Amino acid sequence: MQRLKEHYIELLPQNIQEKKMKEWVKHYKNNILVYCNGCEKGLKIGGIERFI
């Protein structure tokens, strides 16, 4: 994992992550089914709290 962080992955600052996710969740009008906990976390960052 350390090698990935050092060479391939660049994490965005928290405030930019929140801004991007808030823009992204505007695309969702109906119920959302989430299998991935990373996806769920991203949607929660964007302000969506209720999932199926």
PDB file of N, CA and C in Angstrom:
ATOM      1  N   MET A   1       0.824  -1.192   0.000  1.00  0.00           N
ATOM      2  CA  MET A   1       0.000   0.000   0.000  1.00  0.00           C
ATOM      3  C   MET A   1       0.867   1.254   0.000  1.00  0.00           C
ATOM      4  N   GLN A   2       1.955   1.208   0.739  1.00  0.00           N
ATOM      5  CA  GLN A   2       2.841   2.368   0.797  1.00  0.00           C
ATOM      6  C   GLN A   2       3.371   2.719  -0.592  1.00  0.00           C
ATOM      7  N   ARG A   3       3.720   1.699  -1.385  1.00  0.00           N
ATOM      8  CA  ARG A   3       4.228   1.929  -2.734  1.00  0.00           C
ATOM      9  C   ARG A   3       3.179   2.613  -3.603  1.00  0.00           C
ATOM     10  N   LEU A   4       1.921   2.197  -3.455  1.00  0.00           N
ATOM     11  CA  LEU A   4       0.845   2.840  -4.203  1.00  0.00           C
ATOM     12  C   LEU A   4       0.730   4.317  -3.831  1.00  0.00           C
ATOM     13  N   LYS A   5       0.770   4.612  -2.549  1.00  0.00           N
ATOM     14  CA  LYS A   5       0.672   5.989  -2.086  1.00  0.00           C
ATOM     15  C   LYS A   5       1.836   6.834  -2.616  1.00  0.00           C
ATOM     16  N   GLU A   6       3.016   6.247  -2.630  1.00  0.00           N
ATOM     17  CA  GLU A   6       4.195   6.996  -3.042  1.00  0.00           C
ATOM     18  C   GLU A   6       4.252   7.232  -4.554  1.00  0.00           C
ATOM     19  N   HIS A   7       3.684   6.329  -5.350  1.00  0.00           N
ATOM     20  CA  HIS A   7       3.873   6.402  -6.791  1.00  0.00           C
ATOM     21  C   HIS A   7       2.608   6.593  -7.627  1.00  0.00           C
ATOM     22  N   TYR A   8       1.451   6.238  -7.116  1.00  0.00           N
ATOM     23  CA  TYR A   8       0.275   6.203  -7.976  1.00  0.00           C
ATOM     24  C   TYR A   8      -0.935   6.966  -7.459  1.00  0.00           C
ATOM     25  N   ILE A   9      -1.054   7.140  -6.170  1.00  0.00           N
ATOM     26  CA  ILE A   9      -2.269   7.713  -5.600  1.00  0.00           C
ATOM     27  C   ILE A   9      -1.981   9.094  -5.034  1.00  0.00           C
ATOM     28  N   GLU A  10      -2.814  10.044  -5.422  1.00  0.00           N
ATOM     29  CA  GLU A  10      -2.718  11.378  -4.851  1.00  0.00           C
ATOM     30  C   GLU A  10      -4.079  11.709  -4.251  1.00  0.00           C
ATOM     31  N   LEU A  11      -4.133  11.842  -2.936  1.00  0.00           N
ATOM     32  CA  LEU A  11      -5.386  12.135  -2.267  1.00  0.00           C
ATOM     33  C   LEU A  11      -5.636  13.638  -2.278  1.00  0.00           C
ATOM     34  N   LEU A  12      -6.879  13.992  -2.548  1.00  0.00           N
ATOM     35  CA  LEU A  12      -7.265  15.400  -2.537  1.00  0.00           C
ATOM     36  C   LEU A  12      -7.517  15.856  -1.108  1.00  0.00           C
ATOM     37  N   PRO A  13      -7.306  17.133  -0.833  1.00  0.00           N
ATOM     38  CA  PRO A  13      -7.643  17.650   0.487  1.00  0.00           C
ATOM     39  C   PRO A  13      -9.139  17.459   0.769  1.00  0.00           C
ATOM     40  N   GLN A  14      -9.494  17.330   2.046  1.00  0.00           N
ATOM     41  CA  GLN A  14     -10.873  17.039   2.450  1.00  0.00           C
ATOM     42  C   GLN A  14     -11.864  18.058   1.877  1.00  0.00           C
ATOM     43  N   ASN A  15     -11.518  19.346   1.900  1.00  0.00           N
ATOM     44  CA  ASN A  15     -12.464  20.359   1.412  1.00  0.00           C
ATOM     45  C   ASN A  15     -12.728  20.215  -0.082  1.00  0.00           C
ATOM     46  N   ILE A  16     -11.754  19.807  -0.862  1.00  0.00           N
ATOM     47  CA  ILE A  16     -11.963  19.599  -2.296  1.00  0.00           C
ATOM     48  C   ILE A  16     -12.773  18.329  -2.528  1.00  0.00           C
ATOM     49  N   GLN A  17     -12.531  17.280  -1.733  1.00  0.00           N
ATOM     50  CA  GLN A  17     -13.320  16.055  -1.837  1.00  0.00           C
ATOM     51  C   GLN A  17     -14.791  16.371  -1.602  1.00  0.00           C
ATOM     52  N   GLU A  18     -15.074  17.135  -0.554  1.00  0.00           N
ATOM     53  CA  GLU A  18     -16.461  17.487  -0.229  1.00  0.00           C
ATOM     54  C   GLU A  18     -17.098  18.287  -1.358  1.00  0.00           C
ATOM     55  N   LYS A  19     -16.391  19.246  -1.896  1.00  0.00           N
ATOM     56  CA  LYS A  19     -16.922  20.068  -2.989  1.00  0.00           C
ATOM     57  C   LYS A  19     -17.259  19.198  -4.206  1.00  0.00           C
ATOM     58  N   LYS A  20     -16.341  18.315  -4.582  1.00  0.00           N
ATOM     59  CA  LYS A  20     -16.563  17.448  -5.748  1.00  0.00           C
ATOM     60  C   LYS A  20     -17.735  16.495  -5.520  1.00  0.00           C
ATOM     61  N   MET A  21     -17.834  15.919  -4.321  1.00  0.00           N
ATOM     62  CA  MET A  21     -18.919  14.975  -4.049  1.00  0.00           C
ATOM     63  C   MET A  21     -20.268  15.686  -3.981  1.00  0.00           C
ATOM     64  N   LYS A  22     -20.318  16.900  -3.478  1.00  0.00           N
ATOM     65  CA  LYS A  22     -21.573  17.650  -3.448  1.00  0.00           C
ATOM     66  C   LYS A  22     -22.053  17.953  -4.865  1.00  0.00           C
ATOM     67  N   GLU A  23     -21.128  18.209  -5.770  1.00  0.00           N
ATOM     68  CA  GLU A  23     -21.495  18.399  -7.178  1.00  0.00           C
ATOM     69  C   GLU A  23     -21.970  17.080  -7.787  1.00  0.00           C
ATOM     70  N   TRP A  24     -21.270  15.996  -7.469  1.00  0.00           N
ATOM     71  CA  TRP A  24     -21.578  14.686  -8.051  1.00  0.00           C
ATOM     72  C   TRP A  24     -22.959  14.188  -7.640  1.00  0.00           C
ATOM     73  N   VAL A  25     -23.323  14.335  -6.365  1.00  0.00           N
ATOM     74  CA  VAL A  25     -24.593  13.776  -5.893  1.00  0.00           C
ATOM     75  C   VAL A  25     -25.800  14.520  -6.461  1.00  0.00           C
ATOM     76  N   LYS A  26     -25.600  15.664  -7.065  1.00  0.00           N
ATOM     77  CA  LYS A  26     -26.705  16.379  -7.714  1.00  0.00           C
ATOM     78  C   LYS A  26     -27.276  15.571  -8.879  1.00  0.00           C
ATOM     79  N   HIS A  27     -26.522  14.601  -9.396  1.00  0.00           N
ATOM     80  CA  HIS A  27     -26.972  13.758 -10.502  1.00  0.00           C
ATOM     81  C   HIS A  27     -28.021  12.739 -10.064  1.00  0.00           C
ATOM     82  N   TYR A  28     -28.103  12.481  -8.766  1.00  0.00           N
ATOM     83  CA  TYR A  28     -28.995  11.448  -8.255  1.00  0.00           C
ATOM     84  C   TYR A  28     -30.314  12.062  -7.815  1.00  0.00           C
ATOM     85  N   LYS A  29     -31.386  11.603  -8.427  1.00  0.00           N
ATOM     86  CA  LYS A  29     -32.717  12.117  -8.101  1.00  0.00           C
ATOM     87  C   LYS A  29     -33.552  11.104  -7.332  1.00  0.00           C
ATOM     88  N   ASN A  30     -33.263   9.814  -7.501  1.00  0.00           N
ATOM     89  CA  ASN A  30     -34.067   8.747  -6.913  1.00  0.00           C
ATOM     90  C   ASN A  30     -33.269   7.990  -5.857  1.00  0.00           C
ATOM     91  N   ASN A  31     -33.782   6.861  -5.451  1.00  0.00           N
ATOM     92  CA  ASN A  31     -33.109   5.993  -4.492  1.00  0.00           C
ATOM     93  C   ASN A  31     -31.779   5.503  -5.051  1.00  0.00           C
ATOM     94  N   ILE A  32     -30.858   5.261  -4.164  1.00  0.00           N
ATOM     95  CA  ILE A  32     -29.528   4.808  -4.559  1.00  0.00           C
ATOM     96  C   ILE A  32     -29.240   3.492  -3.862  1.00  0.00           C
ATOM     97  N   LEU A  33     -28.777   2.518  -4.625  1.00  0.00           N
ATOM     98  CA  LEU A  33     -28.357   1.238  -4.079  1.00  0.00           C
ATOM     99  C   LEU A  33     -26.835   1.200  -4.137  1.00  0.00           C
ATOM    100  N   VAL A  34     -26.196   1.015  -2.987  1.00  0.00           N
ATOM    101  CA  VAL A  34     -24.741   1.052  -2.899  1.00  0.00           C
ATOM    102  C   VAL A  34     -24.241  -0.269  -2.344  1.00  0.00           C
ATOM    103  N   TYR A  35     -23.278  -0.875  -3.041  1.00  0.00           N
ATOM    104  CA  TYR A  35     -22.654  -2.111  -2.562  1.00  0.00           C
ATOM    105  C   TYR A  35     -21.298  -1.835  -1.926  1.00  0.00           C
ATOM    106  N   CYS A  36     -20.619  -0.851  -2.407  1.00  0.00           N
ATOM    107  CA  CYS A  36     -19.241  -0.564  -2.015  1.00  0.00           C
ATOM    108  C   CYS A  36     -19.216   0.434  -0.855  1.00  0.00           C
ATOM    109  N   ASN A  37     -18.478   0.114   0.207  1.00  0.00           N
ATOM    110  CA  ASN A  37     -18.448   1.040   1.336  1.00  0.00           C
ATOM    111  C   ASN A  37     -17.699   2.327   0.994  1.00  0.00           C
ATOM    112  N   GLY A  38     -16.785   2.278   0.038  1.00  0.00           N
ATOM    113  CA  GLY A  38     -16.118   3.497  -0.428  1.00  0.00           C
ATOM    114  C   GLY A  38     -17.093   4.414  -1.153  1.00  0.00           C
ATOM    115  N   CYS A  39     -17.973   3.824  -1.944  1.00  0.00           N
ATOM    116  CA  CYS A  39     -19.001   4.606  -2.635  1.00  0.00           C
ATOM    117  C   CYS A  39     -19.969   5.221  -1.628  1.00  0.00           C
ATOM    118  N   GLU A  40     -20.341   4.445  -0.637  1.00  0.00           N
ATOM    119  CA  GLU A  40     -21.243   4.952   0.401  1.00  0.00           C
ATOM    120  C   GLU A  40     -20.603   6.134   1.127  1.00  0.00           C
ATOM    121  N   LYS A  41     -19.342   6.006   1.460  1.00  0.00           N
ATOM    122  CA  LYS A  41     -18.634   7.091   2.151  1.00  0.00           C
ATOM    123  C   LYS A  41     -18.602   8.351   1.276  1.00  0.00           C
ATOM    124  N   GLY A  42     -18.325   8.193  -0.008  1.00  0.00           N
ATOM    125  CA  GLY A  42     -18.297   9.334  -0.916  1.00  0.00           C
ATOM    126  C   GLY A  42     -19.639  10.027  -1.015  1.00  0.00           C
ATOM    127  N   LEU A  43     -20.713   9.244  -1.088  1.00  0.00           N
ATOM    128  CA  LEU A  43     -22.046   9.829  -1.167  1.00  0.00           C
ATOM    129  C   LEU A  43     -22.409  10.539   0.135  1.00  0.00           C
ATOM    130  N   LYS A  44     -21.981   9.976   1.256  1.00  0.00           N
ATOM    131  CA  LYS A  44     -22.233  10.645   2.538  1.00  0.00           C
ATOM    132  C   LYS A  44     -21.472  11.964   2.616  1.00  0.00           C
ATOM    133  N   ILE A  45     -20.244  11.977   2.115  1.00  0.00           N
ATOM    134  CA  ILE A  45     -19.477  13.222   2.072  1.00  0.00           C
ATOM    135  C   ILE A  45     -20.228  14.262   1.246  1.00  0.00           C
ATOM    136  N   GLY A  46     -20.901  13.799   0.201  1.00  0.00           N
ATOM    137  CA  GLY A  46     -21.673  14.702  -0.657  1.00  0.00           C
ATOM    138  C   GLY A  46     -23.004  15.133  -0.087  1.00  0.00           C
ATOM    139  N   GLY A  47     -23.400  14.539   1.028  1.00  0.00           N
ATOM    140  CA  GLY A  47     -24.625  14.974   1.688  1.00  0.00           C
ATOM    141  C   GLY A  47     -25.782  14.009   1.602  1.00  0.00           C
ATOM    142  N   ILE A  48     -25.612  12.865   0.972  1.00  0.00           N
ATOM    143  CA  ILE A  48     -26.680  11.869   0.915  1.00  0.00           C
ATOM    144  C   ILE A  48     -26.546  10.962   2.128  1.00  0.00           C
ATOM    145  N   GLU A  49     -27.592  10.861   2.908  1.00  0.00           N
ATOM    146  CA  GLU A  49     -27.541  10.071   4.154  1.00  0.00           C
ATOM    147  C   GLU A  49     -28.369   8.795   4.088  1.00  0.00           C
ATOM    148  N   ARG A  50     -29.335   8.740   3.207  1.00  0.00           N
ATOM    149  CA  ARG A  50     -30.237   7.599   3.187  1.00  0.00           C
ATOM    150  C   ARG A  50     -29.994   6.712   1.982  1.00  0.00           C
ATOM    151  N   PHE A  51     -29.764   5.439   2.234  1.00  0.00           N
ATOM    152  CA  PHE A  51     -29.504   4.465   1.184  1.00  0.00           C
ATOM    153  C   PHE A  51     -30.484   3.313   1.321  1.00  0.00           C
ATOM    154  N   ILE A  52     -30.662   2.583   0.235  1.00  0.00           N
ATOM    155  CA  ILE A  52     -31.492   1.377   0.236  1.00  0.00           C
ATOM    156  C   ILE A  52     -30.645   0.211   0.694  1.00  0.00           C
TER     157      ILE A  52
END
